[in-house]
């Protein structure tokens, strides 16, 4: 199972920007479906965005147009560029990964189903102040 390690969490003002990073332990990360999730205190885990090996992305409606997920396969790193941050974006952000294929078939890569992912990082905290 791949190991994931997030970084980049910080305290920012509303309207500000932040970039989160997720280092992946394996060089074969280019064959993974990768995603970002977040969880605020007292709330359920929420899928934020996903990206598959071809670069196809999905986003939660709440972040569409403000957040961008990307990956640098040469660096084995997943990113989440966040802009126009709002107070409701404050949460612990985790990256997740799993194979893009199952039994040789493409397995839909989406942020909507956390159960799709087997590997998780510990998370990085994002605080947004008004």
Protein backbone atom coordinates (compact mmCIF):
# COMPACT_ATOMS: atom_id res chain seq x y z
CA UNK A 1 0.00 0.00 0.00
CA UNK A 2 1.35 3.41 -0.89
CA UNK A 3 2.24 5.85 1.84
CA UNK A 4 0.91 9.39 1.62
CA UNK A 5 2.12 12.49 3.42
CA UNK A 6 0.39 15.85 3.22
CA UNK A 7 1.89 19.25 3.84
CA UNK A 8 1.07 22.88 3.25
CA UNK A 9 -1.74 23.41 5.71
CA UNK A 10 -1.77 26.84 7.32
CA UNK A 11 -3.90 29.62 8.69
CA UNK A 12 -4.99 32.09 6.02
CA UNK A 13 -7.41 34.96 5.78
CA UNK A 14 -10.69 34.69 3.96
CA UNK A 15 -10.11 35.33 0.27
CA UNK A 16 -6.56 34.07 0.45
CA UNK A 17 -4.82 31.20 -1.31
CA UNK A 18 -2.98 28.10 -0.23
CA UNK A 19 -1.40 25.09 -1.93
CA UNK A 20 -1.46 21.68 -0.34
CA UNK A 21 0.95 18.92 -1.31
CA UNK A 22 0.75 15.16 -0.94
CA UNK A 23 3.90 13.10 -1.39
CA UNK A 24 3.36 9.57 -2.66
CA UNK A 25 5.82 6.87 -1.68
CA UNK A 26 5.80 4.93 -4.94
CA UNK A 27 7.10 5.91 -8.36
CA UNK A 28 4.11 4.18 -9.95
CA UNK A 29 1.83 6.91 -8.61
CA UNK A 30 1.01 7.76 -12.23
CA UNK A 31 -1.26 4.68 -12.30
CA UNK A 32 -3.32 5.77 -9.33
CA UNK A 33 -6.58 7.55 -8.85
CA UNK A 34 -5.82 10.33 -6.40
CA UNK A 35 -8.15 12.56 -4.41
CA UNK A 36 -8.43 15.16 -1.70
CA UNK A 37 -10.95 14.94 1.11
CA UNK A 38 -11.63 17.24 4.01
CA UNK A 39 -13.30 17.00 7.37
CA UNK A 40 -14.30 19.83 9.67
CA UNK A 41 -15.04 19.26 13.37
CA UNK A 42 -18.47 17.77 13.86
CA UNK A 43 -19.00 17.25 10.15
CA UNK A 44 -18.80 14.28 7.84
CA UNK A 45 -15.84 13.72 5.58
CA UNK A 46 -16.33 15.52 2.28
CA UNK A 47 -14.78 14.73 -1.07
CA UNK A 48 -13.11 17.76 -2.61
CA UNK A 49 -11.48 16.72 -5.88
CA UNK A 50 -9.99 13.78 -7.73
CA UNK A 51 -7.62 13.17 -10.62
CA UNK A 52 -6.98 10.04 -12.64
CA UNK A 53 -3.83 8.98 -14.55
CA UNK A 54 -5.04 10.69 -17.74
CA UNK A 55 -5.51 13.97 -15.89
CA UNK A 56 -9.28 13.80 -15.82
CA UNK A 57 -10.53 15.70 -12.77
CA UNK A 58 -13.69 15.92 -10.72
CA UNK A 59 -14.62 18.58 -8.17
CA UNK A 60 -17.18 19.11 -5.47
CA UNK A 61 -19.61 21.86 -6.43
CA UNK A 62 -18.57 23.83 -3.35
CA UNK A 63 -14.99 24.24 -4.63
CA UNK A 64 -15.46 24.26 -8.40
CA UNK A 65 -13.75 27.29 -9.93
CA UNK A 66 -11.74 27.98 -6.78
CA UNK A 67 -9.69 24.81 -6.25
CA UNK A 68 -7.44 23.00 -8.73
CA UNK A 69 -6.12 19.48 -8.31
CA UNK A 70 -2.97 18.51 -10.16
CA UNK A 71 -0.14 16.03 -10.00
CA UNK A 72 3.54 15.98 -10.84
CA UNK A 73 4.41 12.37 -11.60
CA UNK A 74 8.12 13.16 -11.80
CA UNK A 75 7.97 14.32 -8.19
CA UNK A 76 5.38 11.74 -7.08
CA UNK A 77 3.36 14.60 -5.66
CA UNK A 78 -0.30 15.54 -5.71
CA UNK A 79 -1.35 19.16 -5.24
CA UNK A 80 -4.45 21.09 -4.32
CA UNK A 81 -4.30 24.77 -5.21
CA UNK A 82 -6.94 26.62 -3.24
CA UNK A 83 -7.95 30.21 -3.88
CA UNK A 84 -10.71 32.56 -2.75
CA UNK A 85 -10.80 30.63 0.50
CA UNK A 86 -13.91 30.88 2.64
CA UNK A 87 -14.51 30.13 6.30
CA UNK A 88 -16.39 26.99 5.31
CA UNK A 89 -13.21 25.66 3.65
CA UNK A 90 -11.54 25.33 7.05
CA UNK A 91 -10.94 21.64 7.73
CA UNK A 92 -8.39 18.89 7.96
CA UNK A 93 -7.45 17.95 4.41
CA UNK A 94 -6.35 14.44 3.53
CA UNK A 95 -5.15 12.92 0.31
CA UNK A 96 -6.14 9.44 -0.76
CA UNK A 97 -5.02 6.99 -3.42
CA UNK A 98 -5.95 3.71 -5.01
CA UNK A 99 -5.36 1.89 -8.27
CA UNK A 100 -7.00 3.35 -11.33
CA UNK A 101 -7.74 -0.13 -12.65
CA UNK A 102 -9.44 -3.12 -11.11
CA UNK A 103 -9.00 -6.53 -12.73
CA UNK A 104 -7.76 -4.76 -15.85
CA UNK A 105 -10.77 -2.46 -16.13
CA UNK A 106 -10.84 1.27 -15.48
CA UNK A 107 -12.36 1.90 -12.07
CA UNK A 108 -14.15 5.25 -11.97
CA UNK A 109 -12.02 7.89 -10.27
CA UNK A 110 -14.16 10.32 -8.35
CA UNK A 111 -14.09 12.32 -5.13
CA UNK A 112 -17.63 11.22 -4.28
CA UNK A 113 -16.84 7.85 -2.69
CA UNK A 114 -14.21 7.73 0.06
CA UNK A 115 -14.66 3.96 0.23
CA UNK A 116 -13.04 3.75 -3.19
CA UNK A 117 -9.67 4.62 -1.68
CA UNK A 118 -7.44 2.26 0.29
CA UNK A 119 -4.52 4.55 1.14
CA UNK A 120 -4.87 7.70 3.20
CA UNK A 121 -2.56 10.34 4.57
CA UNK A 122 -2.70 11.76 8.08
CA UNK A 123 -4.02 15.11 6.95
CA UNK A 124 -3.00 18.74 7.11
CA UNK A 125 -4.97 21.48 8.82
CA UNK A 126 -6.35 24.50 6.99
CA UNK A 127 -7.73 27.38 9.03
CA UNK A 128 -9.50 30.33 7.43
CA UNK A 129 -9.98 33.50 9.42
CA UNK A 130 -12.43 36.27 8.59
